[in-house]
C-alpha atoms as a PDB file:
ATOM      1  CA  MET A   1     -13.524 -14.112   1.462  1.00  0.00           C
ATOM      2  CA  GLY A   2     -10.710 -11.579   2.668  1.00  0.00           C
ATOM      3  CA  VAL A   3     -10.251  -8.972   0.270  1.00  0.00           C
ATOM      4  CA  TYR A   4     -11.851 -10.954  -2.718  1.00  0.00           C
ATOM      5  CA  GLY A   5     -15.410  -9.363  -1.697  1.00  0.00           C
ATOM      6  CA  PHE A   6     -14.276  -5.765  -2.449  1.00  0.00           C
ATOM      7  CA  SER A   7     -14.064  -3.915  -5.821  1.00  0.00           C
ATOM      8  CA  ALA A   8     -12.162  -1.005  -6.677  1.00  0.00           C
ATOM      9  CA  LYS A   9     -12.030   1.875  -9.378  1.00  0.00           C
ATOM     10  CA  ALA A  10      -8.830   1.521 -11.630  1.00  0.00           C
ATOM     11  CA  ILE A  11      -6.987   4.438 -12.337  1.00  0.00           C
ATOM     12  CA  ASN A  12      -8.789   4.834 -15.550  1.00  0.00           C
ATOM     13  CA  GLY A  13     -12.209   4.603 -14.109  1.00  0.00           C
ATOM     14  CA  GLN A  14     -12.848   0.917 -14.897  1.00  0.00           C
ATOM     15  CA  GLU A  15     -14.508  -1.162 -11.443  1.00  0.00           C
ATOM     16  CA  ILE A  16     -12.317  -3.613 -10.772  1.00  0.00           C
ATOM     17  CA  ASN A  17     -13.242  -6.709  -8.161  1.00  0.00           C
ATOM     18  CA  LEU A  18     -10.535  -7.813  -6.090  1.00  0.00           C
ATOM     19  CA  GLU A  19     -11.432 -11.654  -6.841  1.00  0.00           C
ATOM     20  CA  GLU A  20      -9.678 -11.017 -10.421  1.00  0.00           C
ATOM     21  CA  TYR A  21      -6.281 -11.629  -7.830  1.00  0.00           C
ATOM     22  CA  LYS A  22      -7.831 -14.679  -6.733  1.00  0.00           C
ATOM     23  CA  GLY A  23      -4.792 -17.653  -6.046  1.00  0.00           C
ATOM     24  CA  LYS A  24      -2.106 -14.327  -6.255  1.00  0.00           C
ATOM     25  CA  VAL A  25      -0.161 -12.825  -3.598  1.00  0.00           C
ATOM     26  CA  VAL A  26      -1.035  -9.174  -3.500  1.00  0.00           C
ATOM     27  CA  LEU A  27       0.559  -6.590  -1.861  1.00  0.00           C
ATOM     28  CA  ILE A  28      -1.770  -3.422  -1.316  1.00  0.00           C
ATOM     29  CA  VAL A  29      -0.276  -0.132  -0.695  1.00  0.00           C
ATOM     30  CA  ASN A  30      -1.422   3.381  -0.501  1.00  0.00           C
ATOM     31  CA  THR A  31       0.734   5.856  -2.088  1.00  0.00           C
ATOM     32  CA  ALA A  32       1.809   9.558  -2.497  1.00  0.00           C
ATOM     33  CA  GLY A  33       3.649  11.392  -5.108  1.00  0.00           C
ATOM     34  CA  LYS A  34       5.005  13.732  -2.856  1.00  0.00           C
ATOM     35  CA  CYS A  35       6.185  11.800   0.211  1.00  0.00           C
ATOM     36  CA  GLY A  36       9.453  11.479   1.769  1.00  0.00           C
ATOM     37  CA  PHE A  37       8.414   7.605   1.345  1.00  0.00           C
ATOM     38  CA  THR A  38       7.732   8.189  -2.651  1.00  0.00           C
ATOM     39  CA  TYR A  39      11.286   6.828  -3.782  1.00  0.00           C
ATOM     40  CA  GLN A  40       9.539   3.423  -2.442  1.00  0.00           C
ATOM     41  CA  TYR A  41       7.763   3.405  -6.159  1.00  0.00           C
ATOM     42  CA  GLU A  42      10.918   2.138  -7.387  1.00  0.00           C
ATOM     43  CA  ASP A  43      11.850  -0.953  -5.348  1.00  0.00           C
ATOM     44  CA  LEU A  44       7.567  -1.656  -5.334  1.00  0.00           C
ATOM     45  CA  GLN A  45       8.016  -1.655  -9.067  1.00  0.00           C
ATOM     46  CA  LYS A  46      11.305  -3.782  -8.655  1.00  0.00           C
ATOM     47  CA  LEU A  47       9.668  -6.266  -6.667  1.00  0.00           C
ATOM     48  CA  TYR A  48       6.754  -6.279  -9.206  1.00  0.00           C
ATOM     49  CA  ASP A  49       8.960  -7.242 -12.408  1.00  0.00           C
ATOM     50  CA  ARG A  50      10.804  -9.556 -10.390  1.00  0.00           C
ATOM     51  CA  TYR A  51       7.787 -11.717  -8.754  1.00  0.00           C
ATOM     52  CA  LYS A  52       4.745 -11.167 -11.433  1.00  0.00           C
ATOM     53  CA  ASP A  53       5.448 -14.074 -13.371  1.00  0.00           C
ATOM     54  CA  LYS A  54       5.106 -16.089 -10.271  1.00  0.00           C
ATOM     55  CA  GLY A  55       1.748 -14.872  -8.963  1.00  0.00           C
ATOM     56  CA  PHE A  56       2.600 -11.775  -7.303  1.00  0.00           C
ATOM     57  CA  VAL A  57       0.626  -8.192  -7.674  1.00  0.00           C
ATOM     58  CA  ILE A  58       1.083  -4.905  -6.099  1.00  0.00           C
ATOM     59  CA  LEU A  59      -1.857  -2.576  -5.942  1.00  0.00           C
ATOM     60  CA  GLY A  60      -1.535   0.856  -5.577  1.00  0.00           C
ATOM     61  CA  PHE A  61      -4.076   3.288  -3.794  1.00  0.00           C
ATOM     62  CA  PRO A  62      -3.119   7.016  -4.036  1.00  0.00           C
ATOM     63  CA  CYS A  63      -4.111   8.768  -1.262  1.00  0.00           C
ATOM     64  CA  ASN A  64      -4.035  12.622  -0.194  1.00  0.00           C
ATOM     65  CA  GLN A  65      -4.993  12.394   3.319  1.00  0.00           C
ATOM     66  CA  PHE A  66      -1.617  12.699   4.906  1.00  0.00           C
ATOM     67  CA  ASP A  67      -0.321  16.596   4.885  1.00  0.00           C
ATOM     68  CA  ASN A  68      -1.526  17.046   0.909  1.00  0.00           C
ATOM     69  CA  GLN A  69       0.809  14.725  -0.202  1.00  0.00           C
ATOM     70  CA  GLU A  70      -1.050  13.434  -3.322  1.00  0.00           C
ATOM     71  CA  PRO A  71      -2.759  16.555  -4.587  1.00  0.00           C
ATOM     72  CA  ASP A  72      -2.825  15.461  -8.084  1.00  0.00           C
ATOM     73  CA  SER A  73      -5.141  14.151 -10.602  1.00  0.00           C
ATOM     74  CA  ASN A  74      -5.301  10.576 -11.156  1.00  0.00           C
ATOM     75  CA  ASP A  75      -4.615  11.215 -14.745  1.00  0.00           C
ATOM     76  CA  ARG A  76      -1.792  13.092 -13.357  1.00  0.00           C
ATOM     77  CA  ILE A  77      -0.742  10.595 -10.792  1.00  0.00           C
ATOM     78  CA  GLN A  78      -0.403   7.908 -13.378  1.00  0.00           C
ATOM     79  CA  THR A  79       1.746   9.731 -15.696  1.00  0.00           C
ATOM     80  CA  ASN A  80       4.085  10.631 -12.823  1.00  0.00           C
ATOM     81  CA  CYS A  81       4.142   6.760 -11.749  1.00  0.00           C
ATOM     82  CA  LEU A  82       5.146   5.705 -15.274  1.00  0.00           C
ATOM     83  CA  LEU A  83       7.734   8.780 -16.125  1.00  0.00           C
ATOM     84  CA  ASN A  84       9.428   8.790 -12.874  1.00  0.00           C
ATOM     85  CA  TYR A  85       9.440   5.623 -11.254  1.00  0.00           C
ATOM     86  CA  GLY A  86       8.630   2.932 -14.392  1.00  0.00           C
ATOM     87  CA  VAL A  87       5.394   1.980 -12.564  1.00  0.00           C
ATOM     88  CA  SER A  88       3.429  -0.702 -14.434  1.00  0.00           C
ATOM     89  CA  PHE A  89       1.767  -2.707 -11.465  1.00  0.00           C
ATOM     90  CA  PRO A  90      -1.971  -1.361 -11.292  1.00  0.00           C
ATOM     91  CA  LEU A  91      -3.035   1.769  -9.667  1.00  0.00           C
ATOM     92  CA  PHE A  92      -6.500   2.694  -8.802  1.00  0.00           C
ATOM     93  CA  GLN A  93      -8.053   6.065  -8.275  1.00  0.00           C
ATOM     94  CA  LYS A  94      -6.904   8.259  -5.438  1.00  0.00           C
ATOM     95  CA  ILE A  95      -8.921   7.593  -2.210  1.00  0.00           C
ATOM     96  CA  ASP A  96      -9.189   7.967   1.644  1.00  0.00           C
ATOM     97  CA  VAL A  97      -7.672   5.273   3.730  1.00  0.00           C
ATOM     98  CA  ARG A  98      -8.522   6.573   7.353  1.00  0.00           C
ATOM     99  CA  ASP A  99     -11.269   7.834   9.165  1.00  0.00           C
ATOM    100  CA  GLY A 100     -14.614   8.340   8.266  1.00  0.00           C
ATOM    101  CA  GLY A 101     -14.074   8.697   4.536  1.00  0.00           C
ATOM    102  CA  ALA A 102     -12.275   5.490   4.430  1.00  0.00           C
ATOM    103  CA  THR A 103     -13.101   3.226   1.576  1.00  0.00           C
ATOM    104  CA  PRO A 104     -14.097  -0.431   2.886  1.00  0.00           C
ATOM    105  CA  LEU A 105     -11.228  -2.164   1.096  1.00  0.00           C
ATOM    106  CA  PHE A 106      -9.185   0.218   3.831  1.00  0.00           C
ATOM    107  CA  ARG A 107     -11.384  -0.326   6.618  1.00  0.00           C
ATOM    108  CA  TYR A 108     -11.353  -4.005   6.132  1.00  0.00           C
ATOM    109  CA  LEU A 109      -7.341  -3.899   5.926  1.00  0.00           C
ATOM    110  CA  SER A 110      -6.265  -1.617   9.175  1.00  0.00           C
ATOM    111  CA  SER A 111      -8.989  -3.811  11.280  1.00  0.00           C
ATOM    112  CA  GLN A 112      -6.863  -7.209  10.194  1.00  0.00           C
ATOM    113  CA  LYS A 113      -3.118  -6.282  11.677  1.00  0.00           C
ATOM    114  CA  PRO A 114      -2.570  -3.541  13.982  1.00  0.00           C
ATOM    115  CA  PHE A 115       0.276  -0.809  13.590  1.00  0.00           C
ATOM    116  CA  GLU A 116       3.050  -2.308  15.156  1.00  0.00           C
ATOM    117  CA  GLY A 117       4.970   0.944  15.299  1.00  0.00           C
ATOM    118  CA  PHE A 118       7.452   2.859  13.042  1.00  0.00           C
ATOM    119  CA  ASN A 119      11.081   1.520  12.546  1.00  0.00           C
ATOM    120  CA  PRO A 120      12.461   4.255  14.507  1.00  0.00           C
ATOM    121  CA  PHE A 121      16.031   3.719  12.754  1.00  0.00           C
ATOM    122  CA  HIS A 122      14.436   4.683   9.266  1.00  0.00           C
ATOM    123  CA  PRO A 123      16.078   7.610   8.034  1.00  0.00           C
ATOM    124  CA  VAL A 124      12.811   9.395   7.147  1.00  0.00           C
ATOM    125  CA  ALA A 125      11.229   8.424  10.227  1.00  0.00           C
ATOM    126  CA  LYS A 126      13.423  10.470  12.037  1.00  0.00           C
ATOM    127  CA  ILE A 127      11.338  13.356  10.279  1.00  0.00           C
ATOM    128  CA  LEU A 128       8.074  11.226  10.364  1.00  0.00           C
ATOM    129  CA  ILE A 129       7.920  10.406  13.840  1.00  0.00           C
ATOM    130  CA  PRO A 130       8.405  13.952  15.344  1.00  0.00           C
ATOM    131  CA  LEU A 131       5.810  15.318  12.573  1.00  0.00           C
ATOM    132  CA  LEU A 132       2.950  13.044  13.601  1.00  0.00           C
ATOM    133  CA  ASN A 133       3.616  13.778  17.644  1.00  0.00           C
ATOM    134  CA  ASP A 134       3.484  17.529  16.757  1.00  0.00           C
ATOM    135  CA  LYS A 135       1.213  18.054  13.947  1.00  0.00           C
ATOM    136  CA  HIS A 136      -1.255  14.924  13.790  1.00  0.00           C
ATOM    137  CA  PRO A 137      -1.242  12.858  17.264  1.00  0.00           C
ATOM    138  CA  GLU A 138      -4.666  11.605  16.720  1.00  0.00           C
ATOM    139  CA  TYR A 139      -3.345   9.587  13.869  1.00  0.00           C
ATOM    140  CA  LEU A 140      -1.631   7.493  16.379  1.00  0.00           C
ATOM    141  CA  SER A 141      -4.328   7.338  19.043  1.00  0.00           C
ATOM    142  CA  ASP A 142      -5.752   3.958  17.888  1.00  0.00           C
ATOM    143  CA  ASP A 143      -3.964   0.603  16.998  1.00  0.00           C
ATOM    144  CA  TYR A 144      -5.438  -0.101  13.832  1.00  0.00           C
ATOM    145  CA  SER A 145      -5.588   3.221  11.661  1.00  0.00           C
ATOM    146  CA  ILE A 146      -3.322   4.027   8.785  1.00  0.00           C
ATOM    147  CA  LYS A 147      -0.653   5.880   9.950  1.00  0.00           C
ATOM    148  CA  TRP A 148       0.884   7.535   6.705  1.00  0.00           C
ATOM    149  CA  ASN A 149       1.671   6.705   3.153  1.00  0.00           C
ATOM    150  CA  PHE A 150       3.081   3.572   2.143  1.00  0.00           C
ATOM    151  CA  THR A 151       1.737   1.727   4.322  1.00  0.00           C
ATOM    152  CA  LYS A 152       1.523  -2.007   2.700  1.00  0.00           C
ATOM    153  CA  PHE A 153      -0.577  -5.190   3.442  1.00  0.00           C
ATOM    154  CA  LEU A 154       0.378  -8.422   1.996  1.00  0.00           C
ATOM    155  CA  ILE A 155      -2.383 -10.549   1.045  1.00  0.00           C
ATOM    156  CA  ASP A 156      -2.263 -14.714   0.595  1.00  0.00           C
ATOM    157  CA  ALA A 157      -3.488 -16.342  -2.381  1.00  0.00           C
ATOM    158  CA  ASP A 158      -6.650 -16.902  -0.361  1.00  0.00           C
ATOM    159  CA  GLY A 159      -7.215 -13.307   0.264  1.00  0.00           C
ATOM    160  CA  GLU A 160      -6.270 -13.070   4.061  1.00  0.00           C
ATOM    161  CA  VAL A 161      -4.405 -10.269   5.121  1.00  0.00           C
ATOM    162  CA  VAL A 162      -0.840 -12.134   6.456  1.00  0.00           C
ATOM    163  CA  LYS A 163       1.434  -9.014   7.275  1.00  0.00           C
ATOM    164  CA  ARG A 164       1.207  -5.541   7.933  1.00  0.00           C
ATOM    165  CA  PHE A 165       4.489  -3.304   6.635  1.00  0.00           C
ATOM    166  CA  GLU A 166       4.595   0.504   7.914  1.00  0.00           C
ATOM    167  CA  CYS A 167       6.258   3.044   5.752  1.00  0.00           C
ATOM    168  CA  THR A 168       9.412   2.804   7.384  1.00  0.00           C
ATOM    169  CA  THR A 169       9.496  -1.025   6.014  1.00  0.00           C
ATOM    170  CA  ASP A 170      11.204  -0.576   2.484  1.00  0.00           C
ATOM    171  CA  PRO A 171       9.764  -2.983   0.395  1.00  0.00           C
ATOM    172  CA  ILE A 172      13.007  -4.842  -0.189  1.00  0.00           C
ATOM    173  CA  ASP A 173      12.960  -5.867   3.072  1.00  0.00           C
ATOM    174  CA  MET A 174       9.770  -7.476   2.720  1.00  0.00           C
ATOM    175  CA  GLU A 175      10.916  -9.717   0.178  1.00  0.00           C
ATOM    176  CA  ASN A 176      11.441 -13.107   2.205  1.00  0.00           C
ATOM    177  CA  ASP A 177       7.702 -12.852   3.449  1.00  0.00           C
ATOM    178  CA  ILE A 178       6.875 -12.470  -0.208  1.00  0.00           C
ATOM    179  CA  GLU A 179       9.240 -15.445  -1.518  1.00  0.00           C
ATOM    180  CA  LYS A 180       7.327 -17.635   1.397  1.00  0.00           C
ATOM    181  CA  LEU A 181       3.946 -17.040   0.235  1.00  0.00           C
ATOM    182  CA  LEU A 182       4.907 -17.537  -3.462  1.00  0.00           C
ATOM    183  CA  GLU A 183       6.278 -20.981  -2.430  1.00  0.00           C
ATOM    184  CA  ALA A 184       2.919 -21.922  -1.025  1.00  0.00           C
ATOM    185  CA  VAL A 185       1.002 -21.003  -4.043  1.00  0.00           C
ATOM    186  CA  SER A 186       3.182 -23.067  -6.295  1.00  0.00           C
ATOM    187  CA  VAL A 187       3.337 -26.432  -3.899  1.00  0.00           C
END
């Protein structure tokens, strides 16, 4: 079953059963428009453009749980993503991805692969890690919860979580993993 047992509301309000993506390689990302990692939208779009015709899709889930970095309405989020980053991959309505209010999909995703740490050499990590240690040490108190915006889950064509990438993994650095899963789909 994997992620195919879940549904979510598209940014336009339409309920989408994730089974629609069965047979595709899927990257699910929690996003935010005013984050130090927001630039990743651009590279996510590049990956989407490069592989969408080969069975790859990205699903973006805006979230405002991390220092109020996605305060906008769903309509404004969609407009900003399109105008500022050319985002054409599917976006969903703003959700919670951690703690008691987390959607069932993100509770499932985060339970499948543990947090493996941030890349301490990433330029934004030099700001993020001290911020988390100082203001939000509770975010780091377990091995599975989402720690920040732009946590990415790579899903195989059967709907199973294959890999988790933290915000300090730039989208382009996931390309080999995506290509391997796409090769398995086309075989």
